[in-house]
Amino acid sequence: MVQLKPMKFDNELVMGIEVQLPKTNLLIVATDIGYIMCGALDIDLLNTRLADRDIVAGRAVGVKTMEELLEAPLESVTHSAEKHGIQPGMTGRQAVQKMLDRATA
């Protein structure tokens, strides 16, 4: 099952996406310029084989809910995310806010 959950950040909307799979869920919070995701995201793949796509993304591990994804520290981020000021250790919420700030700048 796939659930789309629009979420409000101040006056901006982002899209929460939850894909329920056997024994796990995929969690994503997407903005216009990038996204954060649960541990299923392969940052190394995005930084190497897909580097030409300039993907802004961050990964949090050990999360089971959308709220946990937003509150957890990012374990890793893409090189493109770092160019936008998104760093490992910042929370998913902080990363999404930076993405929103960059999209409106």
N, C-alpha and C. Protein backbone atom coordinates (compact mmCIF):
# COMPACT_ATOMS: atom_id res chain seq x y z
N MET A 1 0.83 -1.17 0.00
CA MET A 1 0.00 0.00 0.00
C MET A 1 0.89 1.24 0.00
N VAL A 2 0.49 2.26 -0.71
CA VAL A 2 1.21 3.53 -0.76
C VAL A 2 0.30 4.60 -0.19
N GLN A 3 0.85 5.38 0.74
CA GLN A 3 0.10 6.49 1.33
C GLN A 3 0.83 7.80 1.04
N LEU A 4 0.10 8.78 0.56
CA LEU A 4 0.63 10.12 0.36
C LEU A 4 0.11 11.00 1.48
N LYS A 5 1.03 11.69 2.15
CA LYS A 5 0.66 12.51 3.30
C LYS A 5 1.20 13.92 3.13
N PRO A 6 0.39 14.84 2.59
CA PRO A 6 0.87 16.24 2.53
C PRO A 6 1.14 16.73 3.96
N MET A 7 2.27 17.41 4.14
CA MET A 7 2.65 17.91 5.46
C MET A 7 3.02 19.38 5.33
N LYS A 8 2.64 20.15 6.33
CA LYS A 8 2.89 21.59 6.31
C LYS A 8 4.16 21.92 7.10
N PHE A 9 5.02 22.71 6.50
CA PHE A 9 6.21 23.29 7.13
C PHE A 9 6.04 24.79 7.00
N ASP A 10 5.71 25.44 8.12
CA ASP A 10 5.34 26.86 8.07
C ASP A 10 4.24 27.03 7.04
N ASN A 11 4.51 27.78 5.96
CA ASN A 11 3.48 27.98 4.93
C ASN A 11 3.74 27.14 3.69
N GLU A 12 4.68 26.22 3.77
CA GLU A 12 5.05 25.39 2.63
C GLU A 12 4.49 23.98 2.81
N LEU A 13 4.19 23.33 1.69
CA LEU A 13 3.75 21.95 1.73
C LEU A 13 4.85 21.03 1.20
N VAL A 14 5.05 19.93 1.88
CA VAL A 14 5.93 18.87 1.39
C VAL A 14 5.10 17.60 1.34
N MET A 15 5.62 16.61 0.62
CA MET A 15 4.87 15.38 0.47
C MET A 15 5.55 14.25 1.23
N GLY A 16 4.83 13.66 2.16
CA GLY A 16 5.28 12.46 2.83
C GLY A 16 4.76 11.27 2.06
N ILE A 17 5.63 10.31 1.81
CA ILE A 17 5.25 9.12 1.06
C ILE A 17 5.65 7.90 1.89
N GLU A 18 4.70 7.03 2.14
CA GLU A 18 4.98 5.81 2.87
C GLU A 18 4.56 4.62 2.02
N VAL A 19 5.50 3.73 1.76
CA VAL A 19 5.23 2.51 1.01
C VAL A 19 5.33 1.36 1.98
N GLN A 20 4.20 0.70 2.23
CA GLN A 20 4.18 -0.42 3.17
C GLN A 20 4.51 -1.70 2.42
N LEU A 21 5.61 -2.33 2.86
CA LEU A 21 6.08 -3.56 2.26
C LEU A 21 6.11 -4.65 3.33
N PRO A 22 6.21 -5.92 2.94
CA PRO A 22 6.34 -6.95 3.96
C PRO A 22 7.59 -6.70 4.81
N LYS A 23 7.41 -6.66 6.10
CA LYS A 23 8.47 -6.54 7.09
C LYS A 23 9.17 -5.19 7.14
N THR A 24 8.77 -4.22 6.33
CA THR A 24 9.39 -2.90 6.38
C THR A 24 8.50 -1.87 5.70
N ASN A 25 8.80 -0.62 5.93
CA ASN A 25 8.15 0.50 5.24
C ASN A 25 9.22 1.38 4.63
N LEU A 26 8.96 1.93 3.46
CA LEU A 26 9.81 2.94 2.88
C LEU A 26 9.20 4.29 3.23
N LEU A 27 10.00 5.18 3.76
CA LEU A 27 9.53 6.51 4.19
C LEU A 27 10.29 7.58 3.43
N ILE A 28 9.56 8.54 2.88
CA ILE A 28 10.16 9.62 2.11
C ILE A 28 9.45 10.92 2.45
N VAL A 29 10.20 12.00 2.59
CA VAL A 29 9.63 13.34 2.64
C VAL A 29 10.27 14.11 1.50
N ALA A 30 9.46 14.55 0.54
CA ALA A 30 9.96 15.17 -0.68
C ALA A 30 9.59 16.64 -0.77
N THR A 31 10.56 17.43 -1.24
CA THR A 31 10.34 18.85 -1.54
C THR A 31 10.55 19.05 -3.04
N ASP A 32 10.47 20.28 -3.49
CA ASP A 32 10.68 20.56 -4.91
C ASP A 32 12.13 20.33 -5.36
N ILE A 33 13.09 20.42 -4.43
CA ILE A 33 14.49 20.27 -4.85
C ILE A 33 15.16 18.99 -4.37
N GLY A 34 14.55 18.26 -3.44
CA GLY A 34 15.19 17.06 -2.94
C GLY A 34 14.31 16.33 -1.95
N TYR A 35 14.93 15.36 -1.25
CA TYR A 35 14.15 14.54 -0.33
C TYR A 35 15.04 13.93 0.75
N ILE A 36 14.38 13.50 1.82
CA ILE A 36 15.02 12.67 2.82
C ILE A 36 14.29 11.33 2.80
N MET A 37 15.00 10.30 3.24
CA MET A 37 14.41 8.97 3.16
C MET A 37 14.97 8.10 4.26
N CYS A 38 14.30 7.00 4.50
CA CYS A 38 14.75 6.01 5.48
C CYS A 38 16.01 5.29 4.99
N GLY A 39 16.46 4.33 5.75
CA GLY A 39 17.70 3.63 5.47
C GLY A 39 17.76 2.88 4.15
N ALA A 40 16.66 2.73 3.44
CA ALA A 40 16.67 2.04 2.15
C ALA A 40 17.36 2.86 1.07
N LEU A 41 17.59 4.14 1.31
CA LEU A 41 18.22 5.02 0.32
C LEU A 41 19.71 4.68 0.21
N ASP A 42 20.19 4.53 -1.00
CA ASP A 42 21.60 4.22 -1.26
C ASP A 42 22.34 5.49 -1.65
N ILE A 43 22.91 6.18 -0.67
CA ILE A 43 23.62 7.43 -0.91
C ILE A 43 24.82 7.21 -1.81
N ASP A 44 25.55 6.12 -1.61
CA ASP A 44 26.73 5.86 -2.45
C ASP A 44 26.35 5.77 -3.92
N LEU A 45 25.24 5.12 -4.23
CA LEU A 45 24.78 5.03 -5.61
C LEU A 45 24.49 6.43 -6.17
N LEU A 46 23.82 7.26 -5.38
CA LEU A 46 23.49 8.60 -5.84
C LEU A 46 24.74 9.45 -6.05
N ASN A 47 25.76 9.24 -5.21
CA ASN A 47 26.99 10.02 -5.32
C ASN A 47 27.93 9.53 -6.41
N THR A 48 27.76 8.30 -6.87
CA THR A 48 28.70 7.74 -7.85
C THR A 48 28.01 7.56 -9.20
N ARG A 49 27.24 6.53 -9.34
CA ARG A 49 26.66 6.20 -10.64
C ARG A 49 25.63 7.20 -11.13
N LEU A 50 24.98 7.92 -10.19
CA LEU A 50 23.95 8.90 -10.60
C LEU A 50 24.38 10.33 -10.29
N ALA A 51 25.67 10.55 -10.10
CA ALA A 51 26.17 11.87 -9.71
C ALA A 51 25.80 12.96 -10.71
N ASP A 52 25.72 12.62 -11.98
CA ASP A 52 25.38 13.61 -13.00
C ASP A 52 23.96 14.15 -12.85
N ARG A 53 23.14 13.51 -12.06
CA ARG A 53 21.75 13.96 -11.86
C ARG A 53 21.63 15.02 -10.77
N ASP A 54 22.70 15.25 -10.00
CA ASP A 54 22.73 16.30 -8.98
C ASP A 54 21.57 16.15 -7.99
N ILE A 55 21.43 14.95 -7.42
CA ILE A 55 20.31 14.63 -6.53
C ILE A 55 20.58 15.13 -5.12
N VAL A 56 19.66 15.91 -4.60
CA VAL A 56 19.73 16.43 -3.22
C VAL A 56 18.94 15.47 -2.34
N ALA A 57 19.65 14.72 -1.48
CA ALA A 57 18.97 13.71 -0.67
C ALA A 57 19.74 13.44 0.61
N GLY A 58 18.99 13.00 1.62
CA GLY A 58 19.58 12.60 2.90
C GLY A 58 18.96 11.32 3.38
N ARG A 59 19.71 10.60 4.23
CA ARG A 59 19.28 9.28 4.71
C ARG A 59 19.33 9.22 6.23
N ALA A 60 18.23 8.77 6.82
CA ALA A 60 18.17 8.51 8.26
C ALA A 60 17.92 7.02 8.45
N VAL A 61 18.63 6.41 9.39
CA VAL A 61 18.49 4.97 9.59
C VAL A 61 17.75 4.69 10.89
N GLY A 62 17.12 3.52 10.95
CA GLY A 62 16.44 3.08 12.16
C GLY A 62 15.11 3.75 12.42
N VAL A 63 14.52 4.36 11.40
CA VAL A 63 13.24 5.05 11.59
C VAL A 63 12.10 4.16 11.10
N LYS A 64 10.97 4.26 11.79
CA LYS A 64 9.82 3.43 11.43
C LYS A 64 8.57 4.25 11.11
N THR A 65 8.61 5.55 11.41
CA THR A 65 7.45 6.41 11.15
C THR A 65 7.93 7.70 10.49
N MET A 66 7.00 8.42 9.91
CA MET A 66 7.31 9.70 9.28
C MET A 66 7.87 10.69 10.30
N GLU A 67 7.27 10.71 11.49
CA GLU A 67 7.74 11.63 12.53
C GLU A 67 9.16 11.28 12.95
N GLU A 68 9.47 9.99 13.07
CA GLU A 68 10.84 9.58 13.39
C GLU A 68 11.81 10.01 12.29
N LEU A 69 11.39 9.92 11.04
CA LEU A 69 12.24 10.36 9.93
C LEU A 69 12.57 11.84 10.05
N LEU A 70 11.60 12.63 10.43
CA LEU A 70 11.83 14.07 10.58
C LEU A 70 12.69 14.42 11.79
N GLU A 71 12.60 13.63 12.84
CA GLU A 71 13.33 13.94 14.08
C GLU A 71 14.70 13.28 14.15
N ALA A 72 14.95 12.27 13.37
CA ALA A 72 16.22 11.54 13.43
C ALA A 72 17.34 12.34 12.78
N PRO A 73 18.57 12.15 13.27
CA PRO A 73 19.71 12.77 12.60
C PRO A 73 19.98 12.05 11.29
N LEU A 74 20.36 12.80 10.27
CA LEU A 74 20.72 12.19 9.00
C LEU A 74 22.05 11.48 9.15
N GLU A 75 22.11 10.25 8.72
CA GLU A 75 23.32 9.44 8.79
C GLU A 75 24.25 9.77 7.65
N SER A 76 23.69 10.09 6.48
CA SER A 76 24.49 10.45 5.31
C SER A 76 23.66 11.33 4.38
N VAL A 77 24.35 12.08 3.54
CA VAL A 77 23.70 12.96 2.57
C VAL A 77 24.51 12.90 1.27
N THR A 78 23.87 13.30 0.18
CA THR A 78 24.58 13.33 -1.10
C THR A 78 25.49 14.56 -1.16
N HIS A 79 26.44 14.49 -2.10
CA HIS A 79 27.32 15.64 -2.31
C HIS A 79 26.50 16.87 -2.71
N SER A 80 25.46 16.66 -3.49
CA SER A 80 24.60 17.78 -3.91
C SER A 80 23.87 18.38 -2.72
N ALA A 81 23.47 17.55 -1.75
CA ALA A 81 22.82 18.06 -0.55
C ALA A 81 23.79 18.93 0.25
N GLU A 82 25.06 18.50 0.34
CA GLU A 82 26.05 19.29 1.06
C GLU A 82 26.22 20.67 0.45
N LYS A 83 26.11 20.76 -0.87
CA LYS A 83 26.20 22.07 -1.56
C LYS A 83 25.07 23.00 -1.14
N HIS A 84 23.97 22.42 -0.65
CA HIS A 84 22.82 23.20 -0.18
C HIS A 84 22.84 23.41 1.33
N GLY A 85 23.95 23.05 1.97
CA GLY A 85 24.08 23.26 3.41
C GLY A 85 23.51 22.15 4.27
N ILE A 86 23.15 21.04 3.66
CA ILE A 86 22.60 19.91 4.40
C ILE A 86 23.75 18.98 4.78
N GLN A 87 23.85 18.67 6.07
CA GLN A 87 24.99 17.92 6.58
C GLN A 87 24.53 16.69 7.36
N PRO A 88 25.34 15.64 7.39
CA PRO A 88 25.03 14.52 8.28
C PRO A 88 24.96 15.03 9.72
N GLY A 89 24.05 14.47 10.50
CA GLY A 89 23.88 14.88 11.89
C GLY A 89 22.74 15.85 12.10
N MET A 90 22.39 16.63 11.07
CA MET A 90 21.22 17.50 11.24
C MET A 90 19.97 16.65 11.14
N THR A 91 18.91 17.09 11.76
CA THR A 91 17.68 16.29 11.73
C THR A 91 17.04 16.34 10.34
N GLY A 92 16.20 15.37 10.08
CA GLY A 92 15.45 15.37 8.83
C GLY A 92 14.64 16.65 8.68
N ARG A 93 14.06 17.12 9.76
CA ARG A 93 13.27 18.36 9.73
C ARG A 93 14.15 19.55 9.31
N GLN A 94 15.35 19.63 9.87
CA GLN A 94 16.26 20.72 9.50
C GLN A 94 16.65 20.64 8.02
N ALA A 95 16.87 19.43 7.54
CA ALA A 95 17.23 19.26 6.13
C ALA A 95 16.08 19.66 5.21
N VAL A 96 14.87 19.25 5.55
CA VAL A 96 13.71 19.62 4.74
C VAL A 96 13.55 21.13 4.74
N GLN A 97 13.72 21.77 5.89
CA GLN A 97 13.61 23.23 5.96
C GLN A 97 14.66 23.90 5.08
N LYS A 98 15.89 23.38 5.08
CA LYS A 98 16.93 23.94 4.20
C LYS A 98 16.55 23.80 2.74
N MET A 99 15.97 22.65 2.38
CA MET A 99 15.52 22.46 1.00
C MET A 99 14.46 23.46 0.63
N LEU A 100 13.52 23.69 1.55
CA LEU A 100 12.46 24.67 1.30
C LEU A 100 13.02 26.07 1.18
N ASP A 101 13.96 26.41 2.04
CA ASP A 101 14.59 27.73 2.00
C ASP A 101 15.31 27.94 0.66
N ARG A 102 16.01 26.91 0.18
CA ARG A 102 16.74 27.02 -1.09
C ARG A 102 15.78 27.11 -2.27
N ALA A 103 14.66 26.41 -2.19
CA ALA A 103 13.70 26.42 -3.30
C ALA A 103 13.06 27.78 -3.48
N THR A 104 12.92 28.54 -2.39
CA THR A 104 12.28 29.85 -2.48
C THR A 104 13.29 30.98 -2.60
N ALA A 105 14.59 30.66 -2.54
CA ALA A 105 15.63 31.69 -2.63
C ALA A 105 15.86 32.13 -4.05
